[in-house]
């Protein structure tokens, strides 16, 4: 028997092919139908599983998307709350700094006023002390001057004056000259 594919003329080829198919169908027909049925069942099962996987993947993607959106919303809410808290904290800190600055300015003003008042009081005290010391010095000067004048006057009275001394020496000289040595 010759192979229909190798036959020199193509006239016998279609009838030989049909015979080969029949022989094949007789020999392998049951198995082929069984394979076809199995392939069809497997294909149907794979399509069901692919559809199921697509649906499951879609549900999971949707659940993941919803979860991510809720997490993003939660994080956004938390970030906004934290931002509000920080802004409020900064405002409170600025208010505290401003209050502290006002308090320090008031204290500095009060301290400056107090220092100036103390300086004025100290100057007045120094002037009063200087005036009192000046008066004391002047009084003592006057007292000493008066005492010196009194002492000088007393010394003038107590000492012999020149004319009296000259008269006394002249009298003494006359007595000596007269030989009167009394």
Protein backbone atom coordinates (compact mmCIF):
# COMPACT_ATOMS: atom_id res chain seq x y z
CA UNK A 1 0.00 0.00 0.00
CA UNK A 2 1.22 3.34 -0.96
CA UNK A 3 1.02 6.46 1.05
CA UNK A 4 -1.61 8.80 -0.43
CA UNK A 5 0.64 11.74 0.17
CA UNK A 6 3.33 10.19 -2.00
CA UNK A 7 1.03 9.07 -4.82
CA UNK A 8 2.15 10.31 -8.20
CA UNK A 9 -1.19 11.73 -9.22
CA UNK A 10 -3.59 13.58 -6.95
CA UNK A 11 -6.75 11.79 -8.13
CA UNK A 12 -6.70 9.07 -5.47
CA UNK A 13 -5.74 11.38 -2.63
CA UNK A 14 -9.21 12.47 -1.40
CA UNK A 15 -10.64 9.00 -1.26
CA UNK A 16 -7.57 7.65 0.47
CA UNK A 17 -7.73 10.40 3.02
CA UNK A 18 -11.33 9.54 3.82
CA UNK A 19 -10.36 5.92 4.27
CA UNK A 20 -7.51 6.82 6.61
CA UNK A 21 -9.92 8.93 8.65
CA UNK A 22 -12.34 6.06 8.86
CA UNK A 23 -9.59 3.69 9.92
CA UNK A 24 -8.45 6.14 12.49
CA UNK A 25 -11.99 6.61 13.68
CA UNK A 26 -12.40 2.87 14.04
CA UNK A 27 -9.09 2.40 15.81
CA UNK A 28 -8.96 5.55 17.93
CA UNK A 29 -12.53 6.88 17.71
CA UNK A 30 -13.61 5.97 21.21
CA UNK A 31 -10.44 7.28 22.72
CA UNK A 32 -10.59 10.43 20.60
CA UNK A 33 -14.16 11.12 21.61
CA UNK A 34 -13.19 10.47 25.20
CA UNK A 35 -10.23 12.87 24.79
CA UNK A 36 -12.48 15.40 23.09
CA UNK A 37 -15.00 15.11 25.91
CA UNK A 38 -12.21 15.39 28.52
CA UNK A 39 -10.66 18.34 26.71
CA UNK A 40 -14.08 19.99 26.50
CA UNK A 41 -14.71 19.33 30.21
CA UNK A 42 -11.23 20.57 31.10
CA UNK A 43 -11.69 23.62 28.92
CA UNK A 44 -15.10 24.29 30.47
CA UNK A 45 -13.66 23.79 33.97
CA UNK A 46 -10.72 26.10 33.13
CA UNK A 47 -13.10 28.73 31.79
CA UNK A 48 -15.25 28.46 34.95
CA UNK A 49 -12.13 28.72 37.11
CA UNK A 50 -10.81 31.64 35.02
CA UNK A 51 -14.20 33.36 35.37
CA UNK A 52 -14.22 32.59 39.08
CA UNK A 53 -10.64 33.86 39.43
CA UNK A 54 -11.53 37.02 37.47
CA UNK A 55 -14.55 37.60 39.70
CA UNK A 56 -12.54 36.84 42.84
CA UNK A 57 -9.71 39.08 41.65
CA UNK A 58 -12.26 41.82 40.86
CA UNK A 59 -13.81 41.47 44.34
CA UNK A 60 -10.38 41.50 45.95
CA UNK A 61 -9.29 44.51 43.88
CA UNK A 62 -12.51 46.30 44.83
CA UNK A 63 -12.03 45.37 48.52
CA UNK A 64 -8.39 46.46 48.34
CA UNK A 65 -9.36 49.72 46.67
CA UNK A 66 -12.04 50.36 49.30
CA UNK A 67 -9.58 49.49 52.07
CA UNK A 68 -6.93 51.76 50.61
CA UNK A 69 -9.44 54.59 50.23
CA UNK A 70 -10.61 54.19 53.82
CA UNK A 71 -6.99 54.07 55.03
CA UNK A 72 -6.14 57.15 52.97
CA UNK A 73 -9.18 58.94 54.38
CA UNK A 74 -8.18 57.90 57.91
CA UNK A 75 -4.61 59.07 57.35
CA UNK A 76 -5.82 62.29 55.76
CA UNK A 77 -8.11 62.92 58.72
CA UNK A 78 -5.30 62.14 61.17
CA UNK A 79 -2.88 64.39 59.28
CA UNK A 80 -5.40 67.23 59.22
CA UNK A 81 -6.02 66.78 62.95
CA UNK A 82 -2.28 66.75 63.63
CA UNK A 83 -1.83 69.83 61.46
CA UNK A 84 -4.62 71.60 63.37
CA UNK A 85 -3.02 70.57 66.66
CA UNK A 86 0.39 71.80 65.54
CA UNK A 87 -1.04 75.06 64.23
CA UNK A 88 -2.86 75.50 67.54
CA UNK A 89 0.34 74.65 69.42
CA UNK A 90 2.30 77.18 67.39
CA UNK A 91 -0.37 79.82 68.01
CA UNK A 92 -0.33 79.07 71.73
CA UNK A 93 3.46 79.23 71.77
CA UNK A 94 3.39 82.55 69.91
CA UNK A 95 0.76 83.87 72.33
CA UNK A 96 2.86 82.71 75.27
CA UNK A 97 5.95 84.34 73.79
CA UNK A 98 4.03 87.57 73.19
CA UNK A 99 2.69 87.50 76.76
CA UNK A 100 6.17 86.80 78.09
CA UNK A 101 7.54 89.64 75.97
CA UNK A 102 4.87 92.01 77.33
CA UNK A 103 5.58 90.83 80.88
CA UNK A 104 9.33 91.26 80.43
CA UNK A 105 8.81 94.70 78.89
CA UNK A 106 6.61 95.70 81.82
CA UNK A 107 9.15 94.36 84.30
CA UNK A 108 11.98 96.11 82.49
CA UNK A 109 10.02 99.36 82.49
CA UNK A 110 9.25 98.94 86.20
CA UNK A 111 12.89 98.11 86.92
CA UNK A 112 14.05 101.12 84.91
CA UNK A 113 11.59 103.35 86.76
CA UNK A 114 12.67 101.89 90.09
CA UNK A 115 16.35 102.35 89.22
CA UNK A 116 15.75 105.94 88.15
CA UNK A 117 13.78 106.61 91.36
CA UNK A 118 16.58 105.10 93.45
CA UNK A 119 19.14 107.17 91.56
CA UNK A 120 17.10 110.34 92.21
CA UNK A 121 16.78 109.41 95.89
CA UNK A 122 20.50 108.64 96.09
CA UNK A 123 21.36 111.95 94.40
CA UNK A 124 19.05 113.80 96.79
CA UNK A 125 20.62 111.96 99.74
CA UNK A 126 24.11 112.75 98.45
CA UNK A 127 23.17 116.39 97.94
CA UNK A 128 21.64 116.54 101.41
CA UNK A 129 24.71 114.86 102.89
CA UNK A 130 27.00 117.19 100.93
CA UNK A 131 24.98 120.21 102.07
CA UNK A 132 25.03 118.99 105.70
CA UNK A 133 28.75 118.29 105.50
CA UNK A 134 29.30 121.70 103.89
CA UNK A 135 27.34 123.33 106.66
CA UNK A 136 29.26 121.31 109.27
CA UNK A 137 32.58 122.27 107.68
CA UNK A 138 31.51 125.93 107.50
CA UNK A 139 30.32 125.84 111.12
CA UNK A 140 33.53 124.20 112.29
CA UNK A 141 35.54 126.65 110.21
CA UNK A 142 33.70 129.51 111.80
CA UNK A 143 34.15 127.94 115.24
CA UNK A 144 37.87 127.42 114.61
CA UNK A 145 38.23 130.92 113.21
CA UNK A 146 36.45 132.34 116.25
CA UNK A 147 38.62 130.21 118.54
CA UNK A 148 41.77 131.37 116.72
CA UNK A 149 40.67 134.97 117.00
CA UNK A 150 39.99 134.58 120.73
CA UNK A 151 43.35 132.88 121.22
CA UNK A 152 45.08 135.59 119.22
CA UNK A 153 43.33 138.28 121.26
CA UNK A 154 44.27 136.54 124.48
CA UNK A 155 47.83 136.22 123.28
CA UNK A 156 47.87 139.91 122.43
CA UNK A 157 46.65 140.79 125.90
CA UNK A 158 48.94 138.33 127.61
CA UNK A 159 52.08 139.40 125.79
CA UNK A 160 53.78 142.62 126.39
CA UNK A 161 53.35 145.00 123.68
CA UNK A 162 56.43 146.74 122.05
CA UNK A 163 55.90 150.13 123.43
CA UNK A 164 55.51 148.78 126.94
CA UNK A 165 58.57 146.63 126.48
CA UNK A 166 60.53 149.57 125.12
CA UNK A 167 59.45 151.71 128.03
CA UNK A 168 60.36 149.00 130.44
CA UNK A 169 63.76 148.44 128.85
CA UNK A 170 64.31 152.20 128.77
CA UNK A 171 63.51 152.46 132.47
CA UNK A 172 65.75 149.51 133.17
CA UNK A 173 68.55 151.10 131.21
CA UNK A 174 68.09 154.40 133.11
CA UNK A 175 68.28 152.63 136.42
CA UNK A 176 71.32 150.75 135.36
CA UNK A 177 72.87 153.93 134.19
CA UNK A 178 71.93 155.69 137.36
CA UNK A 179 73.45 153.01 139.38
CA UNK A 180 70.33 152.36 141.11
CA UNK A 181 70.22 148.58 140.93
CA UNK A 182 67.12 147.98 142.76
